[in-house]
Amino acid sequence: MFTFAPLKNNMNTKILFLAIMLTMMEYGTAQNFDPQIYNIGKKYPGYIIKLNNDTVRGFIEAKERCTAGGLGYSNQNRCEFYLNENDRKATEKYGPKELKGYMIADKFYKSIPYSGGLVKSNNFCLLLEGGRISRYVWYKTKEGFVNMNKNPNESTEDFDKRRYDSQEVCQKLDEDCFTLQGFVMAFAKKMSQIVSDYPELSEKIANKEKGYKVDAFYKIIEEYNTYFANKK
C-alpha cells in the first residue's frame, strides 16, 4: 500500500486531475481483483472527489468490479464512503453523478460519460493509465456468469477472463470518451482532431504517415501524453 500527499481543497479541475494522473503514472493502477488481496465488502483507505473538487479522505467499501447483468451495485456505479474504518453505516453513498471520482486502495475510478453502449450515462471507470489522454477500463459480466465456478487448477486471472468482458475507453481531459473500435473507420480524421493541440503529431496522423496509423493507436497516445508532460 502506498500513501498520497494531501490534496488541497477547491483546486480547479485540471490541476486536481493532473495531480491524480501523475500519482497513477508513478505507481500504476492495480487491475488485480484476486480475492487474496482485494476482498469484496472490506473497507480500504481512499478518498472521494466531490463535484466542487473538495477531496475527503476516509475508507471505501470494496464492491464487485461490475454488476451481473446490470443489476445491483458495483465499483462502477456506487461508492460507499466511511469517515472511519470501524463505522458500520456508510457516511454517504454516492453515484457517478455525485462525484468526480474516488480512490480505493490502489484503484482510481473517475466518473466519465461511458456505459459500454450508445447511451452516454456517467459511470465510474477504472483508470488504466493517466495523462492528458487517459485510458480506462469498463467491465461487464459474460452470459452465464452466475453459474460459473473456478476450476481447481485455474488461475484467478484465467477465471476472470471467462467471467468478464472488458472495454478500454479513452478520454482527453474532461471531453467526450472514445474507443479504438470507434476510430477504426476514418482513423486519420478522427485521431488527428483529438490531438490537434499537438500540430506536428496531428499532421503525421492526418497524412497517414508510417507509424501513425490505426495500429499505432496506443503509441500515438503515449507520444501525445509525453509531449504535454514535458511541457510542464
C-alpha atoms as a PDB file:
ATOM      1  CA  MET A   1       0.000   0.000   0.000  1.00  0.00           C
ATOM      2  CA  PHE A   2       1.325   3.450  -0.851  1.00  0.00           C
ATOM      3  CA  THR A   3       0.415   6.803   0.647  1.00  0.00           C
ATOM      4  CA  PHE A   4      -0.612  10.034  -1.009  1.00  0.00           C
ATOM      5  CA  ALA A   5       0.399  13.600  -0.301  1.00  0.00           C
ATOM      6  CA  PRO A   6      -2.552  15.708   0.893  1.00  0.00           C
ATOM      7  CA  LEU A   7      -4.600  17.283  -1.878  1.00  0.00           C
ATOM      8  CA  LYS A   8      -5.776  20.863  -1.433  1.00  0.00           C
ATOM      9  CA  ASN A   9      -9.496  21.567  -1.469  1.00  0.00           C
ATOM     10  CA  ASN A  10     -11.126  23.697  -4.181  1.00  0.00           C
ATOM     11  CA  MET A  11      -8.380  23.105  -6.772  1.00  0.00           C
ATOM     12  CA  ASN A  12      -9.515  23.687 -10.323  1.00  0.00           C
ATOM     13  CA  THR A  13     -10.350  20.589 -12.332  1.00  0.00           C
ATOM     14  CA  LYS A  14      -7.242  20.494 -14.495  1.00  0.00           C
ATOM     15  CA  ILE A  15      -4.821  20.900 -11.589  1.00  0.00           C
ATOM     16  CA  LEU A  16      -6.665  18.347  -9.475  1.00  0.00           C
ATOM     17  CA  PHE A  17      -6.713  15.667 -12.105  1.00  0.00           C
ATOM     18  CA  LEU A  18      -3.134  16.407 -13.089  1.00  0.00           C
ATOM     19  CA  ALA A  19      -2.145  15.556  -9.517  1.00  0.00           C
ATOM     20  CA  ILE A  20      -4.135  12.311  -9.687  1.00  0.00           C
ATOM     21  CA  MET A  21      -2.763  11.336 -13.080  1.00  0.00           C
ATOM     22  CA  LEU A  22       0.817  11.973 -12.003  1.00  0.00           C
ATOM     23  CA  THR A  23       0.245   9.789  -8.961  1.00  0.00           C
ATOM     24  CA  MET A  24      -1.146   6.978 -11.084  1.00  0.00           C
ATOM     25  CA  MET A  25       1.637   7.287 -13.664  1.00  0.00           C
ATOM     26  CA  GLU A  26       4.157   6.860 -10.855  1.00  0.00           C
ATOM     27  CA  TYR A  27       2.547   3.921  -9.100  1.00  0.00           C
ATOM     28  CA  GLY A  28       0.355   2.383 -11.779  1.00  0.00           C
ATOM     29  CA  THR A  29      -3.198   1.182 -11.283  1.00  0.00           C
ATOM     30  CA  ALA A  30      -3.779  -2.314  -9.944  1.00  0.00           C
ATOM     31  CA  GLN A  31      -6.281  -4.265 -12.000  1.00  0.00           C
ATOM     32  CA  ASN A  32      -5.785  -7.266  -9.774  1.00  0.00           C
ATOM     33  CA  PHE A  33      -9.083  -8.294  -8.184  1.00  0.00           C
ATOM     34  CA  ASP A  34      -7.704 -11.517  -6.730  1.00  0.00           C
ATOM     35  CA  PRO A  35      -9.680 -12.168  -3.509  1.00  0.00           C
ATOM     36  CA  GLN A  36      -6.429 -12.835  -1.669  1.00  0.00           C
ATOM     37  CA  ILE A  37      -5.524  -9.150  -1.935  1.00  0.00           C
ATOM     38  CA  TYR A  38      -8.835  -7.441  -2.740  1.00  0.00           C
ATOM     39  CA  ASN A  39     -11.771  -8.604  -0.664  1.00  0.00           C
ATOM     40  CA  ILE A  40     -15.327  -7.669  -1.593  1.00  0.00           C
ATOM     41  CA  GLY A  41     -17.002  -5.985   1.364  1.00  0.00           C
ATOM     42  CA  LYS A  42     -13.759  -4.899   3.022  1.00  0.00           C
ATOM     43  CA  LYS A  43     -13.079  -1.208   3.655  1.00  0.00           C
ATOM     44  CA  TYR A  44      -9.890   0.221   2.143  1.00  0.00           C
ATOM     45  CA  PRO A  45      -8.250   3.631   2.673  1.00  0.00           C
ATOM     46  CA  GLY A  46      -9.061   6.111  -0.054  1.00  0.00           C
ATOM     47  CA  TYR A  47     -10.713   9.414  -0.826  1.00  0.00           C
ATOM     48  CA  ILE A  48     -13.589  10.917  -2.735  1.00  0.00           C
ATOM     49  CA  ILE A  49     -13.501  13.954  -5.042  1.00  0.00           C
ATOM     50  CA  LYS A  50     -16.702  15.945  -4.825  1.00  0.00           C
ATOM     51  CA  LEU A  51     -18.201  17.957  -7.676  1.00  0.00           C
ATOM     52  CA  ASN A  52     -16.772  21.167  -6.196  1.00  0.00           C
ATOM     53  CA  ASN A  53     -13.311  19.495  -6.174  1.00  0.00           C
ATOM     54  CA  ASP A  54     -13.235  19.095  -2.385  1.00  0.00           C
ATOM     55  CA  THR A  55     -11.263  15.981  -1.507  1.00  0.00           C
ATOM     56  CA  VAL A  56     -12.293  13.970   1.558  1.00  0.00           C
ATOM     57  CA  ARG A  57     -10.204  11.099   2.874  1.00  0.00           C
ATOM     58  CA  GLY A  58     -11.643   8.071   4.604  1.00  0.00           C
ATOM     59  CA  PHE A  59     -12.462   4.477   3.744  1.00  0.00           C
ATOM     60  CA  ILE A  60     -14.376   2.963   0.840  1.00  0.00           C
ATOM     61  CA  GLU A  61     -16.066  -0.416   0.762  1.00  0.00           C
ATOM     62  CA  ALA A  62     -14.848  -2.730  -1.996  1.00  0.00           C
ATOM     63  CA  LYS A  63     -17.503  -4.000  -4.360  1.00  0.00           C
ATOM     64  CA  GLU A  64     -17.518  -6.282  -7.384  1.00  0.00           C
ATOM     65  CA  ARG A  65     -15.850  -4.795 -10.455  1.00  0.00           C
ATOM     66  CA  CYS A  66     -19.207  -4.734 -12.269  1.00  0.00           C
ATOM     67  CA  THR A  67     -22.805  -5.794 -11.813  1.00  0.00           C
ATOM     68  CA  ALA A  68     -24.180  -9.118 -13.007  1.00  0.00           C
ATOM     69  CA  GLY A  69     -26.495  -8.403 -15.895  1.00  0.00           C
ATOM     70  CA  GLY A  70     -26.603  -4.728 -14.985  1.00  0.00           C
ATOM     71  CA  LEU A  71     -28.417  -5.398 -11.694  1.00  0.00           C
ATOM     72  CA  GLY A  72     -27.261  -4.251  -8.276  1.00  0.00           C
ATOM     73  CA  TYR A  73     -24.237  -2.199  -7.262  1.00  0.00           C
ATOM     74  CA  SER A  74     -20.563  -2.390  -8.137  1.00  0.00           C
ATOM     75  CA  ASN A  75     -17.460  -0.199  -8.150  1.00  0.00           C
ATOM     76  CA  GLN A  76     -18.727   1.189 -11.454  1.00  0.00           C
ATOM     77  CA  ASN A  77     -21.988   2.629 -10.152  1.00  0.00           C
ATOM     78  CA  ARG A  78     -21.652   3.072  -6.373  1.00  0.00           C
ATOM     79  CA  CYS A  79     -19.126   4.485  -3.926  1.00  0.00           C
ATOM     80  CA  GLU A  80     -19.870   3.743  -0.264  1.00  0.00           C
ATOM     81  CA  PHE A  81     -17.764   6.132   1.799  1.00  0.00           C
ATOM     82  CA  TYR A  82     -16.885   5.841   5.502  1.00  0.00           C
ATOM     83  CA  LEU A  83     -15.090   8.514   7.514  1.00  0.00           C
ATOM     84  CA  ASN A  84     -13.887   5.853   9.962  1.00  0.00           C
ATOM     85  CA  GLU A  85     -12.905   2.277   9.163  1.00  0.00           C
ATOM     86  CA  ASN A  86     -14.904   0.783  12.039  1.00  0.00           C
ATOM     87  CA  ASP A  87     -18.152   2.597  11.248  1.00  0.00           C
ATOM     88  CA  ARG A  88     -20.907   0.099  10.490  1.00  0.00           C
ATOM     89  CA  LYS A  89     -23.024   2.516   8.499  1.00  0.00           C
ATOM     90  CA  ALA A  90     -21.677   4.352   5.475  1.00  0.00           C
ATOM     91  CA  THR A  91     -21.220   8.091   5.969  1.00  0.00           C
ATOM     92  CA  GLU A  92     -22.539   8.601   2.451  1.00  0.00           C
ATOM     93  CA  LYS A  93     -23.345   6.566  -0.650  1.00  0.00           C
ATOM     94  CA  TYR A  94     -22.528   8.209  -3.968  1.00  0.00           C
ATOM     95  CA  GLY A  95     -23.438   7.564  -7.568  1.00  0.00           C
ATOM     96  CA  PRO A  96     -21.426   8.628 -10.656  1.00  0.00           C
ATOM     97  CA  LYS A  97     -23.367  11.900 -10.982  1.00  0.00           C
ATOM     98  CA  GLU A  98     -22.490  12.900  -7.415  1.00  0.00           C
ATOM     99  CA  LEU A  99     -18.697  12.586  -7.502  1.00  0.00           C
ATOM    100  CA  LYS A 100     -15.879  13.373  -9.926  1.00  0.00           C
ATOM    101  CA  GLY A 101     -14.110  10.233  -8.814  1.00  0.00           C
ATOM    102  CA  TYR A 102     -12.767   8.206  -5.944  1.00  0.00           C
ATOM    103  CA  MET A 103      -9.710   6.243  -4.885  1.00  0.00           C
ATOM    104  CA  ILE A 104      -9.958   2.872  -3.161  1.00  0.00           C
ATOM    105  CA  ALA A 105      -6.692   1.158  -2.158  1.00  0.00           C
ATOM    106  CA  ASP A 106      -4.633   1.310  -5.388  1.00  0.00           C
ATOM    107  CA  LYS A 107      -7.587   1.749  -7.750  1.00  0.00           C
ATOM    108  CA  PHE A 108      -8.752   5.127  -9.019  1.00  0.00           C
ATOM    109  CA  TYR A 109     -12.215   5.454 -10.539  1.00  0.00           C
ATOM    110  CA  LYS A 110     -13.307   8.539 -12.454  1.00  0.00           C
ATOM    111  CA  SER A 111     -16.875   9.409 -13.367  1.00  0.00           C
ATOM    112  CA  ILE A 112     -16.970   9.595 -17.154  1.00  0.00           C
ATOM    113  CA  PRO A 113     -19.823   9.562 -19.701  1.00  0.00           C
ATOM    114  CA  TYR A 114     -19.500   5.909 -20.676  1.00  0.00           C
ATOM    115  CA  SER A 115     -21.785   2.923 -20.149  1.00  0.00           C
ATOM    116  CA  GLY A 116     -20.471   0.379 -22.648  1.00  0.00           C
ATOM    117  CA  GLY A 117     -23.077   1.287 -25.250  1.00  0.00           C
ATOM    118  CA  LEU A 118     -24.537   4.167 -27.225  1.00  0.00           C
ATOM    119  CA  VAL A 119     -26.118   5.841 -24.200  1.00  0.00           C
ATOM    120  CA  LYS A 120     -23.815   8.466 -22.648  1.00  0.00           C
ATOM    121  CA  SER A 121     -24.648   7.960 -18.980  1.00  0.00           C
ATOM    122  CA  ASN A 122     -21.944   8.549 -16.382  1.00  0.00           C
ATOM    123  CA  ASN A 123     -20.266   5.647 -14.624  1.00  0.00           C
ATOM    124  CA  PHE A 124     -17.152   5.165 -12.539  1.00  0.00           C
ATOM    125  CA  CYS A 125     -14.463   3.677 -14.791  1.00  0.00           C
ATOM    126  CA  LEU A 126     -11.169   2.225 -13.543  1.00  0.00           C
ATOM    127  CA  LEU A 127      -8.090   4.185 -14.567  1.00  0.00           C
ATOM    128  CA  LEU A 128      -5.516   2.170 -16.504  1.00  0.00           C
ATOM    129  CA  GLU A 129      -3.084   4.927 -17.427  1.00  0.00           C
ATOM    130  CA  GLY A 130      -3.189   8.634 -16.690  1.00  0.00           C
ATOM    131  CA  GLY A 131      -2.218  11.504 -18.945  1.00  0.00           C
ATOM    132  CA  ARG A 132      -3.725  14.320 -20.983  1.00  0.00           C
ATOM    133  CA  ILE A 133      -5.455  11.438 -22.730  1.00  0.00           C
ATOM    134  CA  SER A 134      -6.284   8.882 -20.049  1.00  0.00           C
ATOM    135  CA  ARG A 135      -7.191   5.248 -20.575  1.00  0.00           C
ATOM    136  CA  TYR A 136      -9.873   3.488 -18.539  1.00  0.00           C
ATOM    137  CA  VAL A 137     -11.481   0.069 -18.494  1.00  0.00           C
ATOM    138  CA  TRP A 138     -15.181  -0.771 -18.401  1.00  0.00           C
ATOM    139  CA  TYR A 139     -16.211  -4.243 -17.254  1.00  0.00           C
ATOM    140  CA  LYS A 140     -19.320  -6.299 -17.845  1.00  0.00           C
ATOM    141  CA  THR A 141     -20.199  -9.877 -16.968  1.00  0.00           C
ATOM    142  CA  LYS A 142     -20.480 -12.563 -19.609  1.00  0.00           C
ATOM    143  CA  GLU A 143     -23.589 -14.640 -20.200  1.00  0.00           C
ATOM    144  CA  GLY A 144     -23.857 -17.388 -17.601  1.00  0.00           C
ATOM    145  CA  PHE A 145     -21.647 -15.501 -15.147  1.00  0.00           C
ATOM    146  CA  VAL A 146     -23.688 -16.523 -12.094  1.00  0.00           C
ATOM    147  CA  ASN A 147     -23.248 -20.235 -12.712  1.00  0.00           C
ATOM    148  CA  MET A 148     -19.503 -20.138 -13.451  1.00  0.00           C
ATOM    149  CA  ASN A 149     -17.173 -21.808 -10.971  1.00  0.00           C
ATOM    150  CA  LYS A 150     -13.404 -21.596 -10.704  1.00  0.00           C
ATOM    151  CA  ASN A 151     -11.688 -24.815 -11.775  1.00  0.00           C
ATOM    152  CA  PRO A 152      -9.260 -26.411  -9.269  1.00  0.00           C
ATOM    153  CA  ASN A 153      -6.088 -25.592 -11.229  1.00  0.00           C
ATOM    154  CA  GLU A 154      -7.366 -22.402 -12.850  1.00  0.00           C
ATOM    155  CA  SER A 155      -5.697 -19.111 -12.002  1.00  0.00           C
ATOM    156  CA  THR A 156      -7.828 -16.191 -10.869  1.00  0.00           C
ATOM    157  CA  GLU A 157      -6.721 -14.298 -13.984  1.00  0.00           C
ATOM    158  CA  ASP A 158      -7.909 -17.075 -16.321  1.00  0.00           C
ATOM    159  CA  PHE A 159     -11.152 -17.457 -14.379  1.00  0.00           C
ATOM    160  CA  ASP A 160     -11.823 -13.738 -14.676  1.00  0.00           C
ATOM    161  CA  LYS A 161     -11.275 -13.893 -18.449  1.00  0.00           C
ATOM    162  CA  ARG A 162     -14.077 -16.440 -18.633  1.00  0.00           C
ATOM    163  CA  ARG A 163     -16.407 -14.365 -16.447  1.00  0.00           C
ATOM    164  CA  TYR A 164     -15.827 -10.808 -17.648  1.00  0.00           C
ATOM    165  CA  ASP A 165     -15.597  -8.802 -20.827  1.00  0.00           C
ATOM    166  CA  SER A 166     -13.643  -5.565 -20.744  1.00  0.00           C
ATOM    167  CA  GLN A 167     -13.624  -2.500 -22.957  1.00  0.00           C
ATOM    168  CA  GLU A 168     -10.900   0.125 -22.961  1.00  0.00           C
ATOM    169  CA  VAL A 169     -12.149   3.681 -23.238  1.00  0.00           C
ATOM    170  CA  CYS A 170     -10.132   6.883 -23.601  1.00  0.00           C
ATOM    171  CA  GLN A 171     -10.833  10.457 -22.575  1.00  0.00           C
ATOM    172  CA  LYS A 172      -8.906  13.647 -23.273  1.00  0.00           C
ATOM    173  CA  LEU A 173      -9.159  15.824 -20.158  1.00  0.00           C
ATOM    174  CA  ASP A 174     -12.922  16.022 -19.489  1.00  0.00           C
ATOM    175  CA  GLU A 175     -14.030  15.782 -23.130  1.00  0.00           C
ATOM    176  CA  ASP A 176     -16.163  13.069 -24.734  1.00  0.00           C
ATOM    177  CA  CYS A 177     -14.919   9.489 -24.445  1.00  0.00           C
ATOM    178  CA  PHE A 178     -13.692   7.472 -27.415  1.00  0.00           C
ATOM    179  CA  THR A 179     -12.545   3.925 -28.137  1.00  0.00           C
ATOM    180  CA  LEU A 180     -10.163   2.310 -30.577  1.00  0.00           C
ATOM    181  CA  GLN A 181     -13.067   0.381 -32.102  1.00  0.00           C
ATOM    182  CA  GLY A 182     -14.880   3.637 -32.772  1.00  0.00           C
ATOM    183  CA  PHE A 183     -11.849   5.046 -34.562  1.00  0.00           C
ATOM    184  CA  VAL A 184     -11.135   2.157 -36.929  1.00  0.00           C
ATOM    185  CA  MET A 185     -13.163   3.860 -39.636  1.00  0.00           C
ATOM    186  CA  ALA A 186     -11.820   7.302 -40.577  1.00  0.00           C
ATOM    187  CA  PHE A 187      -9.000   6.958 -38.054  1.00  0.00           C
ATOM    188  CA  ALA A 188      -6.787   9.640 -39.615  1.00  0.00           C
ATOM    189  CA  LYS A 189      -9.554  12.238 -39.494  1.00  0.00           C
ATOM    190  CA  LYS A 190     -10.821  11.427 -36.008  1.00  0.00           C
ATOM    191  CA  MET A 191      -7.491  10.937 -34.252  1.00  0.00           C
ATOM    192  CA  SER A 192      -5.853  13.975 -35.846  1.00  0.00           C
ATOM    193  CA  GLN A 193      -8.719  16.086 -34.485  1.00  0.00           C
ATOM    194  CA  ILE A 194      -8.292  14.665 -30.987  1.00  0.00           C
ATOM    195  CA  VAL A 195      -4.593  15.602 -30.897  1.00  0.00           C
ATOM    196  CA  SER A 196      -4.954  18.853 -32.866  1.00  0.00           C
ATOM    197  CA  ASP A 197      -3.363  20.793 -29.981  1.00  0.00           C
ATOM    198  CA  TYR A 198      -0.126  18.998 -30.870  1.00  0.00           C
ATOM    199  CA  PRO A 199       0.083  20.144 -34.541  1.00  0.00           C
ATOM    200  CA  GLU A 200       3.129  18.117 -35.582  1.00  0.00           C
ATOM    201  CA  LEU A 201       1.594  14.856 -34.361  1.00  0.00           C
ATOM    202  CA  SER A 202      -1.806  15.728 -35.788  1.00  0.00           C
ATOM    203  CA  GLU A 203      -0.281  16.324 -39.219  1.00  0.00           C
ATOM    204  CA  LYS A 204       1.523  12.971 -39.223  1.00  0.00           C
ATOM    205  CA  ILE A 205      -1.742  11.187 -38.453  1.00  0.00           C
ATOM    206  CA  ALA A 206      -3.751  13.174 -40.986  1.00  0.00           C
ATOM    207  CA  ASN A 207      -1.157  12.376 -43.670  1.00  0.00           C
ATOM    208  CA  LYS A 208      -1.256   8.679 -42.716  1.00  0.00           C
ATOM    209  CA  GLU A 209       2.498   8.545 -42.247  1.00  0.00           C
ATOM    210  CA  LYS A 210       4.142   5.241 -41.425  1.00  0.00           C
ATOM    211  CA  GLY A 211       3.893   4.531 -37.713  1.00  0.00           C
ATOM    212  CA  TYR A 212       0.914   6.860 -37.268  1.00  0.00           C
ATOM    213  CA  LYS A 213      -1.975   4.746 -38.492  1.00  0.00           C
ATOM    214  CA  VAL A 214      -4.659   2.875 -36.559  1.00  0.00           C
ATOM    215  CA  ASP A 215      -2.289   0.069 -35.495  1.00  0.00           C
ATOM    216  CA  ALA A 216      -0.226   2.695 -33.659  1.00  0.00           C
ATOM    217  CA  PHE A 217      -3.187   3.930 -31.595  1.00  0.00           C
ATOM    218  CA  TYR A 218      -1.554   3.405 -28.189  1.00  0.00           C
ATOM    219  CA  LYS A 219       1.825   4.626 -29.384  1.00  0.00           C
ATOM    220  CA  ILE A 220       0.190   7.853 -30.556  1.00  0.00           C
ATOM    221  CA  ILE A 221      -1.484   8.360 -27.175  1.00  0.00           C
ATOM    222  CA  GLU A 222       1.828   7.764 -25.415  1.00  0.00           C
ATOM    223  CA  GLU A 223       3.623  10.250 -27.674  1.00  0.00           C
ATOM    224  CA  TYR A 224       0.880  12.808 -27.162  1.00  0.00           C
ATOM    225  CA  ASN A 225       0.914  12.429 -23.377  1.00  0.00           C
ATOM    226  CA  THR A 226       4.720  12.600 -23.224  1.00  0.00           C
ATOM    227  CA  TYR A 227       4.700  15.797 -25.257  1.00  0.00           C
ATOM    228  CA  PHE A 228       2.388  17.577 -22.818  1.00  0.00           C
ATOM    229  CA  ALA A 229       4.045  16.086 -19.736  1.00  0.00           C
ATOM    230  CA  ASN A 230       7.362  17.561 -20.899  1.00  0.00           C
ATOM    231  CA  LYS A 231       5.774  20.994 -21.389  1.00  0.00           C
ATOM    232  CA  LYS A 232       5.046  21.288 -17.665  1.00  0.00           C
END
